[in-house]
Amino acid sequence: AETERVGFGVRLFGLPVGVMATAINTEGPYYAAASQFR
């Protein structure tokens, strides 16, 4: 069950070049996370 999702716009020389996001879940002493950029 997801607890945190964050997206980012990626810029090079001030121009947009991509998008990126992270998703993290923690449960007890454990975590699972995934990310993607394009």
All heavy atoms as atom14 arrays in JSON, in Angstrom:
{
  "sequence": "AETERVGFGVRLFGLPVGVMATAINTEGPYYAAASQFR",
  "atom14_mask": [
    [1, 1, 1, 1, 1, 0, 0, 0, 0, 0, 0, 0, 0, 0],
    [1, 1, 1, 1, 1, 1, 1, 1, 1, 0, 0, 0, 0, 0],
    [1, 1, 1, 1, 1, 1, 1, 0, 0, 0, 0, 0, 0, 0],
    [1, 1, 1, 1, 1, 1, 1, 1, 1, 0, 0, 0, 0, 0],
    [1, 1, 1, 1, 1, 1, 1, 1, 1, 1, 1, 0, 0, 0],
    [1, 1, 1, 1, 1, 1, 1, 0, 0, 0, 0, 0, 0, 0],
    [1, 1, 1, 1, 0, 0, 0, 0, 0, 0, 0, 0, 0, 0],
    [1, 1, 1, 1, 1, 1, 1, 1, 1, 1, 1, 0, 0, 0],
    [1, 1, 1, 1, 0, 0, 0, 0, 0, 0, 0, 0, 0, 0],
    [1, 1, 1, 1, 1, 1, 1, 0, 0, 0, 0, 0, 0, 0],
    [1, 1, 1, 1, 1, 1, 1, 1, 1, 1, 1, 0, 0, 0],
    [1, 1, 1, 1, 1, 1, 1, 1, 0, 0, 0, 0, 0, 0],
    [1, 1, 1, 1, 1, 1, 1, 1, 1, 1, 1, 0, 0, 0],
    [1, 1, 1, 1, 0, 0, 0, 0, 0, 0, 0, 0, 0, 0],
    [1, 1, 1, 1, 1, 1, 1, 1, 0, 0, 0, 0, 0, 0],
    [1, 1, 1, 1, 1, 1, 1, 0, 0, 0, 0, 0, 0, 0],
    [1, 1, 1, 1, 1, 1, 1, 0, 0, 0, 0, 0, 0, 0],
    [1, 1, 1, 1, 0, 0, 0, 0, 0, 0, 0, 0, 0, 0],
    [1, 1, 1, 1, 1, 1, 1, 0, 0, 0, 0, 0, 0, 0],
    [1, 1, 1, 1, 1, 1, 1, 1, 0, 0, 0, 0, 0, 0],
    [1, 1, 1, 1, 1, 0, 0, 0, 0, 0, 0, 0, 0, 0],
    [1, 1, 1, 1, 1, 1, 1, 0, 0, 0, 0, 0, 0, 0],
    [1, 1, 1, 1, 1, 0, 0, 0, 0, 0, 0, 0, 0, 0],
    [1, 1, 1, 1, 1, 1, 1, 1, 0, 0, 0, 0, 0, 0],
    [1, 1, 1, 1, 1, 1, 1, 1, 0, 0, 0, 0, 0, 0],
    [1, 1, 1, 1, 1, 1, 1, 0, 0, 0, 0, 0, 0, 0],
    [1, 1, 1, 1, 1, 1, 1, 1, 1, 0, 0, 0, 0, 0],
    [1, 1, 1, 1, 0, 0, 0, 0, 0, 0, 0, 0, 0, 0],
    [1, 1, 1, 1, 1, 1, 1, 0, 0, 0, 0, 0, 0, 0],
    [1, 1, 1, 1, 1, 1, 1, 1, 1, 1, 1, 1, 0, 0],
    [1, 1, 1, 1, 1, 1, 1, 1, 1, 1, 1, 1, 0, 0],
    [1, 1, 1, 1, 1, 0, 0, 0, 0, 0, 0, 0, 0, 0],
    [1, 1, 1, 1, 1, 0, 0, 0, 0, 0, 0, 0, 0, 0],
    [1, 1, 1, 1, 1, 0, 0, 0, 0, 0, 0, 0, 0, 0],
    [1, 1, 1, 1, 1, 1, 0, 0, 0, 0, 0, 0, 0, 0],
    [1, 1, 1, 1, 1, 1, 1, 1, 1, 0, 0, 0, 0, 0],
    [1, 1, 1, 1, 1, 1, 1, 1, 1, 1, 1, 0, 0, 0],
    [1, 1, 1, 1, 1, 1, 1, 1, 1, 1, 1, 0, 0, 0]
  ],
  "atom14_positions": [
    [[0.86, -1.19, 0.0], [0.0, 0.0, 0.0], [0.89, 1.23, 0.0], [1.7, 1.43, 0.88], [-0.9, -0.01, 1.23], [0.0, 0.0, 0.0], [0.0, 0.0, 0.0], [0.0, 0.0, 0.0], [0.0, 0.0, 0.0], [0.0, 0.0, 0.0], [0.0, 0.0, 0.0], [0.0, 0.0, 0.0], [0.0, 0.0, 0.0], [0.0, 0.0, 0.0]],
    [[0.74, 2.05, -1.0], [1.66, 3.16, -1.22], [1.53, 4.22, -0.14], [0.44, 4.58, 0.28], [1.38, 3.77, -2.58], [2.32, 4.9, -2.95], [1.94, 5.48, -4.28], [1.69, 4.7, -5.21], [1.88, 6.71, -4.37], [0.0, 0.0, 0.0], [0.0, 0.0, 0.0], [0.0, 0.0, 0.0], [0.0, 0.0, 0.0], [0.0, 0.0, 0.0]],
    [[2.65, 4.74, 0.32], [2.63, 5.78, 1.32], [3.24, 7.09, 0.84], [2.97, 8.13, 1.41], [3.4, 5.34, 2.59], [4.75, 5.03, 2.24], [2.75, 4.12, 3.21], [0.0, 0.0, 0.0], [0.0, 0.0, 0.0], [0.0, 0.0, 0.0], [0.0, 0.0, 0.0], [0.0, 0.0, 0.0], [0.0, 0.0, 0.0], [0.0, 0.0, 0.0]],
    [[4.06, 7.05, -0.18], [4.66, 8.29, -0.69], [4.91, 8.17, -2.18], [5.51, 7.21, -2.64], [5.98, 8.6, 0.02], [6.62, 9.89, -0.48], [7.96, 10.18, 0.2], [8.16, 9.72, 1.33], [8.8, 10.87, -0.42], [0.0, 0.0, 0.0], [0.0, 0.0, 0.0], [0.0, 0.0, 0.0], [0.0, 0.0, 0.0], [0.0, 0.0, 0.0]],
    [[4.43, 9.15, -2.93], [4.68, 9.23, -4.37], [5.05, 10.67, -4.69], [4.31, 11.6, -4.33], [3.45, 8.81, -5.16], [3.66, 8.86, -6.68], [2.34, 8.7, -7.39], [1.78, 7.37, -7.2], [1.74, 6.45, -8.16], [2.21, 6.71, -9.36], [1.21, 5.26, -7.92], [0.0, 0.0, 0.0], [0.0, 0.0, 0.0], [0.0, 0.0, 0.0]],
    [[6.17, 10.87, -5.33], [6.65, 12.22, -5.65], [7.08, 12.26, -7.11], [7.78, 11.36, -7.58], [7.84, 12.63, -4.75], [8.31, 14.05, -5.1], [7.46, 12.54, -3.27], [0.0, 0.0, 0.0], [0.0, 0.0, 0.0], [0.0, 0.0, 0.0], [0.0, 0.0, 0.0], [0.0, 0.0, 0.0], [0.0, 0.0, 0.0], [0.0, 0.0, 0.0]],
    [[6.65, 13.32, -7.83], [7.03, 13.51, -9.21], [7.93, 14.73, -9.37], [7.84, 15.69, -8.59], [0.0, 0.0, 0.0], [0.0, 0.0, 0.0], [0.0, 0.0, 0.0], [0.0, 0.0, 0.0], [0.0, 0.0, 0.0], [0.0, 0.0, 0.0], [0.0, 0.0, 0.0], [0.0, 0.0, 0.0], [0.0, 0.0, 0.0], [0.0, 0.0, 0.0]],
    [[8.79, 14.69, -10.36], [9.71, 15.8, -10.63], [9.72, 16.11, -12.12], [9.68, 15.21, -12.96], [11.15, 15.45, -10.22], [11.32, 15.2, -8.75], [11.19, 13.93, -8.24], [11.6, 16.24, -7.89], [11.35, 13.69, -6.89], [11.76, 16.02, -6.54], [11.63, 14.73, -6.03], [0.0, 0.0, 0.0], [0.0, 0.0, 0.0], [0.0, 0.0, 0.0]],
    [[9.81, 17.41, -12.44], [10.11, 17.84, -13.78], [11.61, 18.01, -13.89], [12.25, 18.53, -12.97], [0.0, 0.0, 0.0], [0.0, 0.0, 0.0], [0.0, 0.0, 0.0], [0.0, 0.0, 0.0], [0.0, 0.0, 0.0], [0.0, 0.0, 0.0], [0.0, 0.0, 0.0], [0.0, 0.0, 0.0], [0.0, 0.0, 0.0], [0.0, 0.0, 0.0]],
    [[12.21, 17.53, -14.97], [13.67, 17.58, -15.15], [13.99, 18.61, -16.23], [13.42, 18.58, -17.32], [14.22, 16.2, -15.54], [15.75, 16.25, -15.65], [13.78, 15.14, -14.54], [0.0, 0.0, 0.0], [0.0, 0.0, 0.0], [0.0, 0.0, 0.0], [0.0, 0.0, 0.0], [0.0, 0.0, 0.0], [0.0, 0.0, 0.0], [0.0, 0.0, 0.0]],
    [[14.91, 19.54, -15.91], [15.25, 20.62, -16.83], [16.76, 20.67, -17.06], [17.54, 20.52, -16.12], [14.78, 21.98, -16.29], [13.26, 22.11, -16.27], [12.8, 23.43, -15.67], [11.37, 23.62, -15.83], [10.8, 24.22, -16.86], [11.57, 24.74, -17.81], [9.5, 24.33, -16.95], [0.0, 0.0, 0.0], [0.0, 0.0, 0.0], [0.0, 0.0, 0.0]],
    [[17.16, 20.9, -18.29], [18.55, 21.07, -18.68], [18.67, 22.41, -19.38], [17.93, 22.67, -20.33], [19.0, 19.93, -19.6], [20.42, 20.02, -20.16], [21.45, 19.91, -19.04], [20.64, 18.91, -21.2], [0.0, 0.0, 0.0], [0.0, 0.0, 0.0], [0.0, 0.0, 0.0], [0.0, 0.0, 0.0], [0.0, 0.0, 0.0], [0.0, 0.0, 0.0]],
    [[19.56, 23.28, -18.91], [19.68, 24.65, -19.42], [18.34, 25.37, -19.35], [18.0, 26.17, -20.22], [20.19, 24.66, -20.86], [21.55, 24.04, -21.03], [21.71, 22.93, -21.83], [22.66, 24.57, -20.39], [22.96, 22.35, -21.99], [23.9, 24.0, -20.55], [24.06, 22.89, -21.34], [0.0, 0.0, 0.0], [0.0, 0.0, 0.0], [0.0, 0.0, 0.0]],
    [[17.52, 25.05, -18.35], [16.24, 25.69, -18.16], [15.12, 25.14, -19.01], [13.97, 25.58, -18.88], [0.0, 0.0, 0.0], [0.0, 0.0, 0.0], [0.0, 0.0, 0.0], [0.0, 0.0, 0.0], [0.0, 0.0, 0.0], [0.0, 0.0, 0.0], [0.0, 0.0, 0.0], [0.0, 0.0, 0.0], [0.0, 0.0, 0.0], [0.0, 0.0, 0.0]],
    [[15.42, 24.19, -19.91], [14.41, 23.63, -20.8], [13.95, 22.27, -20.27], [14.76, 21.46, -19.82], [14.98, 23.45, -22.21], [15.49, 24.74, -22.89], [16.14, 24.38, -24.21], [14.35, 25.72, -23.08], [0.0, 0.0, 0.0], [0.0, 0.0, 0.0], [0.0, 0.0, 0.0], [0.0, 0.0, 0.0], [0.0, 0.0, 0.0], [0.0, 0.0, 0.0]],
    [[12.64, 21.97, -20.33], [12.15, 20.68, -19.86], [12.65, 19.54, -20.74], [12.58, 19.61, -21.96], [10.63, 20.83, -19.93], [10.39, 21.9, -20.94], [11.54, 22.85, -20.82], [0.0, 0.0, 0.0], [0.0, 0.0, 0.0], [0.0, 0.0, 0.0], [0.0, 0.0, 0.0], [0.0, 0.0, 0.0], [0.0, 0.0, 0.0], [0.0, 0.0, 0.0]],
    [[13.19, 18.5, -20.11], [13.72, 17.36, -20.87], [13.07, 16.04, -20.46], [13.2, 15.05, -21.18], [15.25, 17.24, -20.71], [15.93, 18.44, -21.32], [15.63, 17.05, -19.25], [0.0, 0.0, 0.0], [0.0, 0.0, 0.0], [0.0, 0.0, 0.0], [0.0, 0.0, 0.0], [0.0, 0.0, 0.0], [0.0, 0.0, 0.0], [0.0, 0.0, 0.0]],
    [[12.38, 15.99, -19.31], [11.8, 14.72, -18.91], [11.0, 14.82, -17.64], [10.87, 15.89, -17.03], [0.0, 0.0, 0.0], [0.0, 0.0, 0.0], [0.0, 0.0, 0.0], [0.0, 0.0, 0.0], [0.0, 0.0, 0.0], [0.0, 0.0, 0.0], [0.0, 0.0, 0.0], [0.0, 0.0, 0.0], [0.0, 0.0, 0.0], [0.0, 0.0, 0.0]],
    [[10.44, 13.69, -17.25], [9.7, 13.59, -15.99], [10.2, 12.38, -15.23], [10.66, 11.4, -15.8], [8.17, 13.47, -16.24], [7.63, 14.74, -16.85], [7.86, 12.26, -17.1], [0.0, 0.0, 0.0], [0.0, 0.0, 0.0], [0.0, 0.0, 0.0], [0.0, 0.0, 0.0], [0.0, 0.0, 0.0], [0.0, 0.0, 0.0], [0.0, 0.0, 0.0]],
    [[10.08, 12.48, -13.91], [10.57, 11.43, -13.05], [9.69, 11.34, -11.82], [9.1, 12.32, -11.4], [12.02, 11.75, -12.66], [12.73, 10.66, -11.93], [14.46, 11.09, -11.8], [15.13, 9.51, -11.31], [0.0, 0.0, 0.0], [0.0, 0.0, 0.0], [0.0, 0.0, 0.0], [0.0, 0.0, 0.0], [0.0, 0.0, 0.0], [0.0, 0.0, 0.0]],
    [[9.58, 10.14, -11.25], [8.77, 9.97, -10.04], [9.34, 8.86, -9.18], [10.03, 7.97, -9.68], [7.32, 9.67, -10.4], [0.0, 0.0, 0.0], [0.0, 0.0, 0.0], [0.0, 0.0, 0.0], [0.0, 0.0, 0.0], [0.0, 0.0, 0.0], [0.0, 0.0, 0.0], [0.0, 0.0, 0.0], [0.0, 0.0, 0.0], [0.0, 0.0, 0.0]],
    [[9.07, 8.92, -7.89], [9.43, 7.85, -6.97], [8.19, 7.39, -6.22], [7.26, 8.17, -6.0], [10.47, 8.3, -5.93], [9.93, 9.38, -5.16], [11.76, 8.73, -6.6], [0.0, 0.0, 0.0], [0.0, 0.0, 0.0], [0.0, 0.0, 0.0], [0.0, 0.0, 0.0], [0.0, 0.0, 0.0], [0.0, 0.0, 0.0], [0.0, 0.0, 0.0]],
    [[8.15, 6.13, -5.86], [7.1, 5.59, -5.0], [7.76, 4.76, -3.92], [8.61, 3.92, -4.22], [6.12, 4.74, -5.81], [0.0, 0.0, 0.0], [0.0, 0.0, 0.0], [0.0, 0.0, 0.0], [0.0, 0.0, 0.0], [0.0, 0.0, 0.0], [0.0, 0.0, 0.0], [0.0, 0.0, 0.0], [0.0, 0.0, 0.0], [0.0, 0.0, 0.0]],
    [[7.41, 5.01, -2.66], [8.03, 4.34, -1.54], [6.96, 3.85, -0.58], [5.99, 4.55, -0.31], [8.96, 5.29, -0.75], [9.87, 6.09, -1.67], [9.78, 4.51, 0.28], [10.55, 7.24, -0.97], [0.0, 0.0, 0.0], [0.0, 0.0, 0.0], [0.0, 0.0, 0.0], [0.0, 0.0, 0.0], [0.0, 0.0, 0.0], [0.0, 0.0, 0.0]],
    [[7.13, 2.65, -0.07], [6.27, 2.14, 0.99], [7.13, 1.55, 2.08], [8.11, 0.86, 1.81], [5.31, 1.07, 0.47], [4.4, 0.54, 1.56], [4.75, -0.37, 2.28], [3.24, 1.16, 1.69], [0.0, 0.0, 0.0], [0.0, 0.0, 0.0], [0.0, 0.0, 0.0], [0.0, 0.0, 0.0], [0.0, 0.0, 0.0], [0.0, 0.0, 0.0]],
    [[6.79, 1.85, 3.33], [7.45, 1.22, 4.46], [6.4, 0.48, 5.28], [5.28, 0.96, 5.46], [8.17, 2.25, 5.35], [7.22, 3.25, 5.78], [9.3, 2.92, 4.59], [0.0, 0.0, 0.0], [0.0, 0.0, 0.0], [0.0, 0.0, 0.0], [0.0, 0.0, 0.0], [0.0, 0.0, 0.0], [0.0, 0.0, 0.0], [0.0, 0.0, 0.0]],
    [[6.76, -0.69, 5.75], [5.87, -1.49, 6.57], [6.72, -2.18, 7.64], [7.55, -3.04, 7.33], [5.13, -2.52, 5.72], [4.11, -3.34, 6.51], [3.25, -4.16, 5.58], [2.63, -3.59, 4.67], [3.22, -5.39, 5.77], [0.0, 0.0, 0.0], [0.0, 0.0, 0.0], [0.0, 0.0, 0.0], [0.0, 0.0, 0.0], [0.0, 0.0, 0.0]],
    [[6.53, -1.74, 8.89], [7.39, -2.24, 9.95], [8.82, -1.84, 9.67], [9.09, -0.68, 9.32], [0.0, 0.0, 0.0], [0.0, 0.0, 0.0], [0.0, 0.0, 0.0], [0.0, 0.0, 0.0], [0.0, 0.0, 0.0], [0.0, 0.0, 0.0], [0.0, 0.0, 0.0], [0.0, 0.0, 0.0], [0.0, 0.0, 0.0], [0.0, 0.0, 0.0]],
    [[9.78, -2.76, 9.76], [11.18, -2.4, 9.52], [11.6, -2.48, 8.06], [12.78, -2.32, 7.75], [11.94, -3.45, 10.34], [11.07, -4.66, 10.23], [9.64, -4.14, 10.24], [0.0, 0.0, 0.0], [0.0, 0.0, 0.0], [0.0, 0.0, 0.0], [0.0, 0.0, 0.0], [0.0, 0.0, 0.0], [0.0, 0.0, 0.0], [0.0, 0.0, 0.0]],
    [[10.64, -2.71, 7.14], [10.98, -2.95, 5.75], [10.47, -1.83, 4.84], [9.51, -1.14, 5.16], [10.39, -4.28, 5.28], [10.86, -5.45, 6.1], [10.03, -5.99, 7.09], [12.12, -6.0, 5.91], [10.46, -7.07, 7.86], [12.55, -7.07, 6.68], [11.72, -7.6, 7.66], [12.15, -8.65, 8.42], [0.0, 0.0, 0.0], [0.0, 0.0, 0.0]],
    [[11.13, -1.69, 3.69], [10.68, -0.74, 2.68], [10.71, -1.41, 1.31], [11.45, -2.38, 1.07], [11.56, 0.52, 2.66], [12.88, 0.33, 1.94], [12.99, 0.62, 0.58], [14.0, -0.15, 2.6], [14.19, 0.44, -0.09], [15.2, -0.34, 1.95], [15.3, -0.05, 0.6], [16.48, -0.26, -0.07], [0.0, 0.0, 0.0], [0.0, 0.0, 0.0]],
    [[9.91, -0.88, 0.39], [9.96, -1.25, -1.03], [9.79, 0.03, -1.82], [8.98, 0.89, -1.46], [8.86, -2.26, -1.38], [0.0, 0.0, 0.0], [0.0, 0.0, 0.0], [0.0, 0.0, 0.0], [0.0, 0.0, 0.0], [0.0, 0.0, 0.0], [0.0, 0.0, 0.0], [0.0, 0.0, 0.0], [0.0, 0.0, 0.0], [0.0, 0.0, 0.0]],
    [[10.55, 0.2, -2.88], [10.51, 1.44, -3.65], [10.74, 1.16, -5.12], [11.38, 0.17, -5.49], [11.58, 2.41, -3.14], [0.0, 0.0, 0.0], [0.0, 0.0, 0.0], [0.0, 0.0, 0.0], [0.0, 0.0, 0.0], [0.0, 0.0, 0.0], [0.0, 0.0, 0.0], [0.0, 0.0, 0.0], [0.0, 0.0, 0.0], [0.0, 0.0, 0.0]],
    [[10.19, 2.02, -5.96], [10.4, 1.92, -7.4], [10.49, 3.32, -7.98], [9.95, 4.28, -7.42], [9.27, 1.14, -8.07], [0.0, 0.0, 0.0], [0.0, 0.0, 0.0], [0.0, 0.0, 0.0], [0.0, 0.0, 0.0], [0.0, 0.0, 0.0], [0.0, 0.0, 0.0], [0.0, 0.0, 0.0], [0.0, 0.0, 0.0], [0.0, 0.0, 0.0]],
    [[11.17, 3.46, -9.11], [11.3, 4.76, -9.76], [11.37, 4.58, -11.26], [11.72, 3.51, -11.76], [12.54, 5.49, -9.26], [13.71, 4.84, -9.72], [0.0, 0.0, 0.0], [0.0, 0.0, 0.0], [0.0, 0.0, 0.0], [0.0, 0.0, 0.0], [0.0, 0.0, 0.0], [0.0, 0.0, 0.0], [0.0, 0.0, 0.0], [0.0, 0.0, 0.0]],
    [[11.04, 5.65, -11.97], [11.09, 5.64, -13.43], [11.37, 7.04, -13.94], [10.89, 8.02, -13.38], [9.77, 5.12, -14.0], [9.79, 4.91, -15.51], [8.47, 4.37, -16.01], [7.52, 5.11, -16.21], [8.41, 3.07, -16.2], [0.0, 0.0, 0.0], [0.0, 0.0, 0.0], [0.0, 0.0, 0.0], [0.0, 0.0, 0.0], [0.0, 0.0, 0.0]],
    [[12.16, 7.13, -15.0], [12.41, 8.39, -15.7], [12.23, 8.17, -17.19], [12.56, 7.1, -17.71], [13.83, 8.9, -15.46], [14.21, 10.03, -16.39], [13.81, 11.33, -16.11], [14.92, 9.78, -17.55], [14.13, 12.37, -16.98], [15.24, 10.81, -18.43], [14.85, 12.11, -18.13], [0.0, 0.0, 0.0], [0.0, 0.0, 0.0], [0.0, 0.0, 0.0]],
    [[11.7, 9.19, -17.87], [11.63, 9.16, -19.33], [11.74, 10.57, -19.87], [11.31, 11.53, -19.25], [10.32, 8.52, -19.8], [9.07, 9.25, -19.36], [7.8, 8.56, -19.82], [6.61, 9.17, -19.29], [6.01, 10.24, -19.83], [6.52, 10.8, -20.91], [4.92, 10.74, -19.28], [0.0, 0.0, 0.0], [0.0, 0.0, 0.0], [0.0, 0.0, 0.0]]
  ]
}
